[in-house]
N, C-alpha and C. Protein backbone atom coordinates (compact mmCIF):
# COMPACT_ATOMS: atom_id res chain seq x y z
N MET A 1 14.30 -18.38 6.37
CA MET A 1 14.12 -16.86 6.76
C MET A 1 13.64 -16.55 7.85
N ARG A 2 12.50 -17.64 8.23
CA ARG A 2 12.00 -17.22 9.58
C ARG A 2 12.85 -17.56 10.72
N LYS A 3 13.85 -18.60 10.33
CA LYS A 3 14.88 -19.14 11.46
C LYS A 3 15.56 -17.93 11.90
N ILE A 4 15.98 -17.36 10.60
CA ILE A 4 17.02 -16.36 10.85
C ILE A 4 16.73 -15.06 11.70
N PHE A 5 15.50 -15.00 11.59
CA PHE A 5 14.94 -13.56 12.46
C PHE A 5 13.94 -13.95 13.61
N SER A 6 14.08 -15.51 13.74
CA SER A 6 13.19 -15.72 15.11
C SER A 6 11.80 -15.43 14.88
N ARG A 7 11.07 -15.65 13.81
CA ARG A 7 9.72 -15.41 13.63
C ARG A 7 9.08 -16.69 13.14
N LYS A 8 7.65 -16.90 13.43
CA LYS A 8 6.77 -17.68 13.28
C LYS A 8 6.59 -17.88 11.50
N TYR A 9 6.48 -16.66 10.92
CA TYR A 9 6.28 -16.72 9.72
C TYR A 9 7.19 -15.70 9.08
N ALA A 10 7.74 -15.93 7.76
CA ALA A 10 8.48 -14.99 7.17
C ALA A 10 8.40 -15.27 5.71
N ILE A 11 8.81 -14.23 4.71
CA ILE A 11 8.87 -14.61 3.45
C ILE A 11 10.02 -13.43 2.73
N ALA A 12 10.56 -13.90 1.88
CA ALA A 12 11.54 -12.98 1.30
C ALA A 12 11.05 -12.68 -0.34
N THR A 13 11.25 -11.49 -0.75
CA THR A 13 10.65 -11.21 -2.15
C THR A 13 11.99 -10.62 -2.58
N ASN A 14 12.08 -10.41 -4.00
CA ASN A 14 13.03 -9.91 -4.81
C ASN A 14 13.21 -8.66 -5.07
N ASN A 15 11.95 -7.77 -4.61
CA ASN A 15 12.00 -6.21 -4.50
C ASN A 15 10.62 -5.78 -3.85
N GLY A 16 10.60 -4.37 -3.76
CA GLY A 16 9.47 -3.92 -3.07
C GLY A 16 8.38 -4.23 -3.80
N PHE A 17 8.08 -4.07 -5.11
CA PHE A 17 6.84 -4.43 -6.06
C PHE A 17 6.27 -5.72 -5.33
N SER A 18 7.07 -6.68 -5.35
CA SER A 18 6.58 -7.94 -5.01
C SER A 18 6.05 -8.02 -3.69
N ALA A 19 6.89 -7.24 -2.96
CA ALA A 19 6.48 -7.26 -1.47
C ALA A 19 5.14 -6.42 -1.16
N ILE A 20 4.78 -5.45 -1.88
CA ILE A 20 3.79 -4.71 -1.61
C ILE A 20 2.72 -5.54 -2.36
N HIS A 21 2.91 -6.21 -3.48
CA HIS A 21 1.66 -7.06 -4.05
C HIS A 21 1.30 -8.02 -3.25
N LEU A 22 2.49 -8.77 -2.77
CA LEU A 22 2.04 -10.02 -1.58
C LEU A 22 1.20 -9.32 -0.31
N ALA A 23 1.48 -8.43 0.08
CA ALA A 23 0.95 -7.66 1.23
C ALA A 23 -0.61 -7.64 0.85
N LEU A 24 -0.73 -6.75 -0.40
CA LEU A 24 -2.05 -6.58 -0.89
C LEU A 24 -3.19 -7.99 -1.01
N ILE A 25 -2.37 -8.94 -1.34
CA ILE A 25 -3.24 -10.20 -1.39
C ILE A 25 -3.50 -10.78 -0.14
N GLY A 26 -2.49 -10.63 0.62
CA GLY A 26 -2.57 -10.84 1.90
C GLY A 26 -3.80 -10.39 2.65
N LEU A 27 -3.98 -9.11 2.47
CA LEU A 27 -5.08 -8.17 3.02
C LEU A 27 -6.26 -8.30 2.14
N ASN A 28 -6.42 -9.33 1.16
CA ASN A 28 -7.51 -9.57 0.28
C ASN A 28 -7.81 -8.46 -0.16
N VAL A 29 -7.21 -7.53 -0.75
CA VAL A 29 -7.48 -6.34 -1.73
C VAL A 29 -7.85 -6.89 -3.07
N SER A 30 -8.67 -6.54 -3.59
CA SER A 30 -9.45 -6.64 -4.78
C SER A 30 -10.30 -5.77 -5.74
N CYS A 31 -10.92 -6.05 -6.52
CA CYS A 31 -11.65 -5.11 -7.39
C CYS A 31 -12.68 -4.34 -6.75
N GLU A 32 -12.57 -3.13 -6.81
CA GLU A 32 -13.37 -1.91 -6.35
C GLU A 32 -13.22 -1.50 -4.81
N ASP A 33 -12.02 -2.19 -4.28
CA ASP A 33 -11.29 -1.92 -3.08
C ASP A 33 -10.66 -0.63 -3.27
N GLU A 34 -10.45 0.33 -2.51
CA GLU A 34 -9.50 1.54 -2.67
C GLU A 34 -8.44 1.35 -1.82
N VAL A 35 -7.10 1.69 -2.15
CA VAL A 35 -5.94 1.60 -1.50
C VAL A 35 -5.56 3.28 -1.32
N ILE A 36 -5.16 3.84 -0.20
CA ILE A 36 -4.89 5.07 -0.07
C ILE A 36 -3.33 5.03 -0.23
N LEU A 37 -2.52 6.19 -1.08
CA LEU A 37 -1.07 6.00 -1.06
C LEU A 37 -0.86 7.66 -1.50
N PRO A 38 0.41 8.06 -1.14
CA PRO A 38 0.85 9.42 -0.92
C PRO A 38 0.94 9.71 -2.58
N SER A 39 0.80 11.02 -2.84
CA SER A 39 0.84 11.78 -4.16
C SER A 39 2.50 11.80 -4.69
N TYR A 40 3.37 11.74 -3.63
CA TYR A 40 4.71 12.15 -3.86
C TYR A 40 5.22 10.44 -3.97
N SER A 41 5.34 9.64 -4.80
CA SER A 41 5.75 8.29 -4.55
C SER A 41 5.99 7.85 -5.96
N CYS A 42 6.46 6.47 -5.94
CA CYS A 42 7.39 6.03 -7.19
C CYS A 42 6.03 4.94 -7.68
N PRO A 43 6.17 4.59 -8.90
CA PRO A 43 5.36 3.50 -9.53
C PRO A 43 5.11 2.11 -8.95
N ALA A 44 6.01 1.90 -8.19
CA ALA A 44 6.34 0.49 -7.34
C ALA A 44 5.21 0.57 -6.14
N LEU A 45 4.63 1.68 -5.91
CA LEU A 45 3.36 1.67 -5.05
C LEU A 45 2.21 1.58 -5.60
N LEU A 46 1.96 2.32 -6.89
CA LEU A 46 0.87 2.33 -7.51
C LEU A 46 0.49 1.11 -8.32
N ASN A 47 1.49 0.60 -8.91
CA ASN A 47 1.43 -0.72 -10.08
C ASN A 47 0.56 -1.96 -9.49
N PRO A 48 1.22 -2.23 -7.98
CA PRO A 48 0.61 -3.31 -7.49
C PRO A 48 -0.90 -3.12 -7.09
N ILE A 49 -1.26 -2.07 -6.76
CA ILE A 49 -2.45 -1.85 -6.53
C ILE A 49 -3.42 -1.87 -7.73
N LEU A 50 -3.09 -1.30 -8.93
CA LEU A 50 -3.49 -1.56 -10.07
C LEU A 50 -3.65 -3.20 -10.60
N LEU A 51 -2.58 -3.87 -10.46
CA LEU A 51 -2.34 -5.34 -10.58
C LEU A 51 -3.54 -6.25 -10.02
N GLN A 52 -3.87 -5.69 -8.84
CA GLN A 52 -5.06 -6.38 -7.87
C GLN A 52 -6.45 -5.85 -8.37
N LYS A 53 -6.45 -4.90 -9.18
CA LYS A 53 -7.58 -4.18 -9.92
C LYS A 53 -8.25 -3.41 -8.86
N ALA A 54 -7.51 -2.76 -7.90
CA ALA A 54 -7.95 -1.93 -6.79
C ALA A 54 -8.09 -0.64 -7.43
N ILE A 55 -8.68 0.31 -6.48
CA ILE A 55 -8.77 1.67 -6.83
C ILE A 55 -7.68 2.55 -6.14
N PRO A 56 -6.56 2.98 -6.55
CA PRO A 56 -5.73 3.95 -5.95
C PRO A 56 -6.46 5.34 -5.55
N VAL A 57 -6.27 5.51 -4.34
CA VAL A 57 -6.67 7.15 -4.07
C VAL A 57 -5.49 7.77 -3.53
N VAL A 58 -5.11 8.72 -4.31
CA VAL A 58 -3.92 9.36 -4.15
C VAL A 58 -4.37 10.82 -3.11
N VAL A 59 -3.39 10.71 -1.95
CA VAL A 59 -3.64 12.05 -1.09
C VAL A 59 -2.42 12.69 -0.85
N ASP A 60 -2.61 13.89 -0.96
CA ASP A 60 -1.45 14.80 -0.98
C ASP A 60 -0.53 14.79 0.33
N ILE A 61 0.77 15.38 0.14
CA ILE A 61 1.54 15.07 1.12
C ILE A 61 1.90 16.56 1.92
N GLU A 62 2.38 16.22 3.11
CA GLU A 62 2.62 17.63 3.76
C GLU A 62 3.74 18.43 3.23
N ALA A 63 3.63 19.73 3.12
CA ALA A 63 4.72 20.57 2.77
C ALA A 63 6.08 20.67 3.34
N ASN A 64 6.05 20.45 4.82
CA ASN A 64 7.18 20.55 5.68
C ASN A 64 7.97 19.08 5.73
N SER A 65 7.17 17.94 5.55
CA SER A 65 7.79 16.76 5.80
C SER A 65 7.70 15.79 4.79
N PHE A 66 6.93 16.02 3.63
CA PHE A 66 6.87 15.04 2.41
C PHE A 66 6.34 13.72 2.95
N ASN A 67 5.49 13.60 4.19
CA ASN A 67 4.69 12.74 4.62
C ASN A 67 3.49 12.76 4.20
N ILE A 68 2.65 11.65 3.89
CA ILE A 68 1.14 11.75 3.51
C ILE A 68 0.31 12.64 4.66
N SER A 69 -0.77 13.43 4.23
CA SER A 69 -1.45 14.42 4.90
C SER A 69 -2.31 13.41 5.90
N ILE A 70 -2.30 13.53 7.13
CA ILE A 70 -3.10 12.68 7.85
C ILE A 70 -4.55 13.32 7.76
N GLU A 71 -4.61 14.50 7.51
CA GLU A 71 -6.19 15.09 7.28
C GLU A 71 -6.51 14.62 6.03
N GLY A 72 -5.82 14.42 4.92
CA GLY A 72 -6.02 14.24 3.84
C GLY A 72 -6.51 12.68 3.58
N VAL A 73 -5.88 11.88 4.53
CA VAL A 73 -6.35 10.21 4.54
C VAL A 73 -7.87 10.38 5.31
N LYS A 74 -7.80 10.98 6.51
CA LYS A 74 -9.32 10.97 6.94
C LYS A 74 -10.23 11.39 6.09
N ASP A 75 -10.18 12.45 5.32
CA ASP A 75 -11.15 12.73 4.33
C ASP A 75 -11.34 11.69 3.24
N LYS A 76 -10.40 10.86 2.85
CA LYS A 76 -10.59 9.77 1.81
C LYS A 76 -11.22 8.38 2.19
N ILE A 77 -11.16 8.15 3.57
CA ILE A 77 -11.65 6.94 4.14
C ILE A 77 -12.82 6.88 3.94
N ASN A 78 -13.39 5.71 3.31
CA ASN A 78 -14.84 5.21 3.12
C ASN A 78 -14.86 3.79 3.22
N LYS A 79 -16.17 3.44 3.10
CA LYS A 79 -16.48 1.93 3.41
C LYS A 79 -15.68 0.85 2.45
N ARG A 80 -15.02 1.48 1.16
CA ARG A 80 -14.31 0.40 0.25
C ARG A 80 -12.74 0.52 0.62
N THR A 81 -12.56 1.41 1.45
CA THR A 81 -10.99 1.70 1.74
C THR A 81 -10.43 0.59 2.44
N LYS A 82 -9.47 -0.10 1.84
CA LYS A 82 -8.79 -1.14 2.69
C LYS A 82 -7.23 -0.93 3.03
């Protein structure tokens, strides 16, 4: 994979759930850590967080764009946020 994309490191996964789960492991997300995610999302974003025993913190989305609210994220960031 890494040769195909001319990268030093690369990994392939079978789905988005696996990719998110591996990313959380790579970021050392574990018990009692908080992970911010948008309220308008699929379970594939929430479940890997729960699998790591981390705490999902849901932030509302912007009405015009359906993207996560930046102001909402700023309000939710704390010492346990990863």
